[in-house]
Amino acid sequence: MNSISANLNVMIKASEKASKILIRDFGEIEKLQVSKKGPIDFVTNADLKTEKIIIDELKRAKPNFSIISEENGVENNKDKKNTWIIDPIDGTVNFLHGIPHFAISIALRSGHEIISGLIFDPIKDEIFYAEKNNGAFFNNQRIRVSKKNEIDDCLFVTGGKLKTEPNIPYRKSGCAALDMAYVASGRYDGYFQKNLNIWDVAAGILLVKEAGGLVNEIDLAKNTNLKIIASSADINAKLLEKIANF
């Protein structure tokens, strides 16, 4: 295993601990689909439980770091320079419908940059992580963005509402974190979406960059309403042309 920082090690441990609950809860979803009460409350509860485990683990290691999380909002602690950014279940709609495509996303922002990022897909047991200036990894193997440079050979991914239908091959997967992890690992050739929250994409931004990809300028002091365009350098200009006003 490549050498990783103490912070990333804590992030990995926290996500692995939380994933046990998620996997168990995901197994319950199918039974709930047929019940009258429906699974929405159950998923909210799964989200909160997962988040609590992650926050407890991170706080045990770094009690003074600040925290931004999807369910809990912003928690300013003694150390305001270092902030954990957490999405306990990115892809909750997939989770809710029993579709096994969702992830835990944890990032560490120091000042105005992301220095560690982790995206963990518990069902497929796939872990993507990166540290600033240390490369991006998938299950301990080094990853790079795709090398394709013909747009018709590519596959892109997006989410949310599109103003105009882009004339490129694309998918909507319902999980921004995995979309970016897949760009970093070369499965997708690029990703574009607007109206995102920092917890959806913080880890993914670092993953794509450390895998040799390009990400548009993002104000990391903002927590909501972010727009992301991420791809390999080879295809970036062609992609930008195609999605000029998505």
Protein backbone atom coordinates (compact mmCIF):
# COMPACT_ATOMS: atom_id res chain seq x y z
CA MET A 1 0.00 0.00 0.00
CA ASN A 2 1.31 3.46 -0.80
CA SER A 3 2.09 5.60 2.24
CA ILE A 4 -0.89 7.65 3.36
CA SER A 5 -1.25 10.40 5.94
CA ALA A 6 -2.70 9.89 9.39
CA ASN A 7 -5.69 12.01 8.35
CA LEU A 8 -6.50 9.84 5.33
CA ASN A 9 -6.07 6.74 7.46
CA VAL A 10 -8.72 8.08 9.86
CA MET A 11 -11.03 8.88 6.93
CA ILE A 12 -10.70 5.33 5.59
CA LYS A 13 -11.38 3.78 9.01
CA ALA A 14 -14.42 6.02 9.56
CA SER A 15 -15.91 5.17 6.17
CA GLU A 16 -15.31 1.44 6.64
CA LYS A 17 -17.00 1.51 10.05
CA ALA A 18 -19.99 3.49 8.71
CA SER A 19 -20.29 1.27 5.65
CA LYS A 20 -21.21 -1.76 7.77
CA ILE A 21 -24.42 0.04 8.83
CA LEU A 22 -25.10 1.19 5.27
CA ILE A 23 -24.73 -2.29 3.81
CA ARG A 24 -27.07 -3.70 6.45
CA ASP A 25 -29.64 -0.92 5.93
CA PHE A 26 -29.44 -1.29 2.16
CA GLY A 27 -30.35 -4.95 2.60
CA GLU A 28 -33.50 -3.86 4.47
CA ILE A 29 -34.66 -1.49 1.72
CA GLU A 30 -36.23 -4.22 -0.41
CA LYS A 31 -38.44 -5.37 2.48
CA LEU A 32 -39.53 -1.76 3.07
CA GLN A 33 -40.50 -1.16 -0.56
CA VAL A 34 -43.64 -3.25 0.01
CA SER A 35 -44.58 -1.73 3.37
CA LYS A 36 -47.18 1.06 3.60
CA LYS A 37 -44.90 3.34 5.60
CA GLY A 38 -42.42 3.42 2.75
CA PRO A 39 -38.68 3.72 2.96
CA ILE A 40 -38.16 7.50 2.99
CA ASP A 41 -37.96 7.87 6.79
CA PHE A 42 -35.77 4.82 6.91
CA VAL A 43 -33.27 6.33 4.44
CA THR A 44 -33.18 9.63 6.34
CA ASN A 45 -32.40 7.59 9.42
CA ALA A 46 -29.67 5.62 7.60
CA ASP A 47 -28.17 8.93 6.48
CA LEU A 48 -28.13 10.31 10.03
CA LYS A 49 -26.73 7.11 11.57
CA THR A 50 -23.96 6.90 8.97
CA GLU A 51 -23.09 10.55 9.43
CA LYS A 52 -22.93 10.20 13.21
CA ILE A 53 -20.52 7.26 13.02
CA ILE A 54 -18.27 9.16 10.60
CA ILE A 55 -18.30 12.36 12.68
CA ASP A 56 -17.64 10.46 15.94
CA GLU A 57 -14.65 8.67 14.39
CA LEU A 58 -13.19 11.84 12.89
CA LYS A 59 -13.72 13.82 16.11
CA ARG A 60 -11.99 11.16 18.15
CA ALA A 61 -8.89 11.64 16.00
CA LYS A 62 -9.13 15.42 15.49
CA PRO A 63 -11.45 16.94 18.12
CA ASN A 64 -10.73 20.55 17.04
CA PHE A 65 -11.30 20.30 13.27
CA SER A 66 -14.42 22.03 11.95
CA ILE A 67 -17.07 20.03 10.09
CA ILE A 68 -19.41 20.58 7.15
CA SER A 69 -21.85 17.76 6.54
CA GLU A 70 -25.02 17.26 4.56
CA GLU A 71 -27.32 16.50 7.49
CA ASN A 72 -25.58 18.46 10.23
CA GLY A 73 -24.64 21.66 8.39
CA VAL A 74 -21.62 23.74 9.41
CA GLU A 75 -19.95 23.19 12.77
CA ASN A 76 -17.14 25.66 13.49
CA ASN A 77 -14.73 24.28 16.06
CA LYS A 78 -11.44 25.60 17.47
CA ASP A 79 -9.53 24.80 14.29
CA LYS A 80 -11.31 26.74 11.56
CA LYS A 81 -8.49 26.25 9.03
CA ASN A 82 -9.11 22.50 8.80
CA THR A 83 -12.59 21.28 7.96
CA TRP A 84 -13.94 17.79 7.37
CA ILE A 85 -16.51 17.77 4.54
CA ILE A 86 -18.85 14.79 4.75
CA ASP A 87 -21.62 13.29 2.64
CA PRO A 88 -22.78 10.12 4.43
CA ILE A 89 -24.81 8.81 1.46
CA ASP A 90 -24.28 10.48 -1.89
CA GLY A 91 -26.89 8.93 -4.15
CA THR A 92 -29.74 8.68 -1.61
CA VAL A 93 -32.40 8.34 -4.34
CA ASN A 94 -30.58 5.28 -5.69
CA PHE A 95 -30.30 3.92 -2.14
CA LEU A 96 -34.00 4.53 -1.57
CA HIS A 97 -34.93 2.50 -4.65
CA GLY A 98 -32.59 -0.37 -3.88
CA ILE A 99 -30.15 0.59 -6.65
CA PRO A 100 -26.59 -0.26 -5.55
CA HIS A 101 -24.93 2.94 -6.74
CA PHE A 102 -24.17 5.31 -3.86
CA ALA A 103 -21.13 6.27 -1.83
CA ILE A 104 -19.71 7.77 1.33
CA SER A 105 -17.67 10.88 0.55
CA ILE A 106 -15.21 12.49 2.99
CA ALA A 107 -12.75 15.30 2.27
CA LEU A 108 -10.41 17.46 4.30
CA ARG A 109 -10.25 21.13 3.37
CA SER A 110 -7.27 23.05 4.71
CA GLY A 111 -7.56 26.79 4.15
CA HIS A 112 -9.04 27.06 0.66
CA GLU A 113 -7.90 23.78 -0.78
CA ILE A 114 -8.84 20.14 -0.51
CA ILE A 115 -5.84 18.14 0.71
CA SER A 116 -7.39 14.67 1.22
CA GLY A 117 -10.39 13.02 -0.41
CA LEU A 118 -12.06 9.65 -0.15
CA ILE A 119 -15.04 8.14 -1.97
CA PHE A 120 -16.14 4.71 -0.81
CA ASP A 121 -18.76 2.56 -2.55
CA PRO A 122 -19.68 0.03 0.15
CA ILE A 123 -21.76 -2.29 -2.01
CA LYS A 124 -19.10 -2.78 -4.71
CA ASP A 125 -16.35 -2.50 -2.07
CA GLU A 126 -14.55 0.12 -4.15
CA ILE A 127 -12.50 2.80 -2.48
CA PHE A 128 -11.09 5.82 -4.30
CA TYR A 129 -8.78 8.22 -2.49
CA ALA A 130 -6.28 10.99 -3.12
CA GLU A 131 -3.99 13.33 -1.26
CA LYS A 132 -2.61 16.59 -2.57
CA ASN A 133 0.59 16.01 -4.60
CA ASN A 134 0.48 12.29 -3.85
CA GLY A 135 -1.62 10.88 -6.70
CA ALA A 136 -5.04 9.21 -6.85
CA PHE A 137 -5.74 5.58 -6.05
CA PHE A 138 -8.45 2.96 -6.51
CA ASN A 139 -8.27 0.00 -4.10
CA ASN A 140 -4.54 0.84 -3.66
CA GLN A 141 -3.77 0.94 -7.40
CA ARG A 142 -2.68 4.24 -8.95
CA ILE A 143 -5.33 5.69 -11.29
CA ARG A 144 -5.26 8.14 -14.19
CA VAL A 145 -7.96 9.90 -16.18
CA SER A 146 -8.83 8.49 -19.61
CA LYS A 147 -6.59 9.06 -22.63
CA LYS A 148 -9.32 9.31 -25.29
CA ASN A 149 -9.35 12.41 -27.43
CA GLU A 150 -12.22 11.82 -29.88
CA ILE A 151 -15.46 12.99 -28.34
CA ASP A 152 -17.56 10.29 -30.04
CA ASP A 153 -15.41 7.57 -28.44
CA CYS A 154 -16.06 9.05 -24.98
CA LEU A 155 -18.74 8.56 -22.37
CA PHE A 156 -19.64 11.51 -20.16
CA VAL A 157 -21.85 11.76 -17.09
CA THR A 158 -24.08 14.45 -15.63
CA GLY A 159 -26.96 14.97 -13.23
CA GLY A 160 -29.74 17.40 -12.45
CA LYS A 161 -31.66 19.35 -15.08
CA LEU A 162 -30.06 20.24 -18.39
CA LYS A 163 -31.06 23.43 -20.18
CA THR A 164 -30.18 22.00 -23.58
CA GLU A 165 -29.58 18.41 -24.59
CA PRO A 166 -25.84 18.10 -25.20
CA ASN A 167 -24.78 16.35 -28.39
CA ILE A 168 -22.40 13.92 -26.70
CA PRO A 169 -22.68 10.36 -25.38
CA TYR A 170 -23.67 10.69 -21.71
CA ARG A 171 -25.34 9.04 -18.73
CA LYS A 172 -27.04 10.17 -15.54
CA SER A 173 -26.02 7.96 -12.64
CA GLY A 174 -27.53 9.76 -9.64
CA CYS A 175 -24.31 9.89 -7.61
CA ALA A 176 -22.02 12.91 -8.09
CA ALA A 177 -19.25 11.48 -5.90
CA LEU A 178 -18.99 8.28 -7.93
CA ASP A 179 -19.29 10.25 -11.18
CA MET A 180 -16.12 12.11 -10.24
CA ALA A 181 -14.37 8.99 -8.94
CA TYR A 182 -15.15 7.31 -12.27
CA VAL A 183 -13.70 10.26 -14.20
CA ALA A 184 -10.55 10.01 -12.06
CA SER A 185 -10.24 6.30 -12.80
CA GLY A 186 -10.94 6.66 -16.53
CA ARG A 187 -14.33 4.89 -16.56
CA TYR A 188 -16.05 8.11 -17.61
CA ASP A 189 -14.24 10.66 -19.76
CA GLY A 190 -15.82 13.72 -18.17
CA TYR A 191 -18.48 15.03 -15.80
CA PHE A 192 -20.50 18.23 -15.77
CA GLN A 193 -23.23 19.42 -13.42
CA LYS A 194 -24.52 22.57 -11.76
CA ASN A 195 -26.31 23.38 -8.47
CA LEU A 196 -24.02 21.09 -6.49
CA ASN A 197 -23.10 21.26 -2.81
CA ILE A 198 -19.53 21.16 -1.55
CA TRP A 199 -20.11 17.79 0.16
CA ASP A 200 -21.16 16.22 -3.17
CA VAL A 201 -17.88 17.04 -4.89
CA ALA A 202 -15.09 17.99 -2.45
CA ALA A 203 -13.38 14.58 -2.52
CA GLY A 204 -14.02 14.17 -6.24
CA ILE A 205 -12.33 17.47 -7.14
CA LEU A 206 -9.06 16.30 -5.59
CA LEU A 207 -9.37 12.80 -7.07
CA VAL A 208 -9.74 14.13 -10.62
CA LYS A 209 -6.86 16.59 -10.24
CA GLU A 210 -4.53 14.02 -8.69
CA ALA A 211 -5.42 11.57 -11.48
CA GLY A 212 -4.16 14.12 -14.00
CA GLY A 213 -7.52 15.62 -14.94
CA LEU A 214 -8.78 19.17 -15.18
CA VAL A 215 -11.49 20.74 -13.03
CA ASN A 216 -12.87 24.24 -13.59
CA GLU A 217 -12.07 26.94 -11.02
CA ILE A 218 -14.28 26.46 -7.95
CA ASP A 219 -14.59 28.78 -4.99
CA LEU A 220 -14.07 26.31 -2.14
CA ALA A 221 -15.22 28.87 0.39
CA LYS A 222 -18.75 28.44 -1.04
CA ASN A 223 -20.77 25.48 0.17
CA THR A 224 -23.69 25.48 -2.26
CA ASN A 225 -24.65 26.21 -5.86
CA LEU A 226 -21.37 25.00 -7.34
CA LYS A 227 -20.83 24.15 -11.00
CA ILE A 228 -18.37 21.43 -11.96
CA ILE A 229 -16.81 20.48 -15.27
CA ALA A 230 -14.18 17.76 -14.91
CA SER A 231 -12.37 15.71 -17.55
CA SER A 232 -8.99 14.71 -18.90
CA ALA A 233 -6.87 17.51 -20.34
CA ASP A 234 -7.06 15.81 -23.76
CA ILE A 235 -10.82 16.14 -24.12
CA ASN A 236 -11.47 19.25 -21.99
CA ALA A 237 -11.62 21.88 -24.75
CA LYS A 238 -13.89 19.71 -26.92
CA LEU A 239 -16.19 19.00 -23.98
CA LEU A 240 -16.42 22.71 -23.05
CA GLU A 241 -17.41 23.54 -26.64
CA LYS A 242 -20.19 20.92 -26.61
CA ILE A 243 -21.71 21.95 -23.27
CA ALA A 244 -21.25 25.72 -23.61
CA ASN A 245 -24.65 26.48 -22.01
CA PHE A 246 -25.75 23.28 -20.24
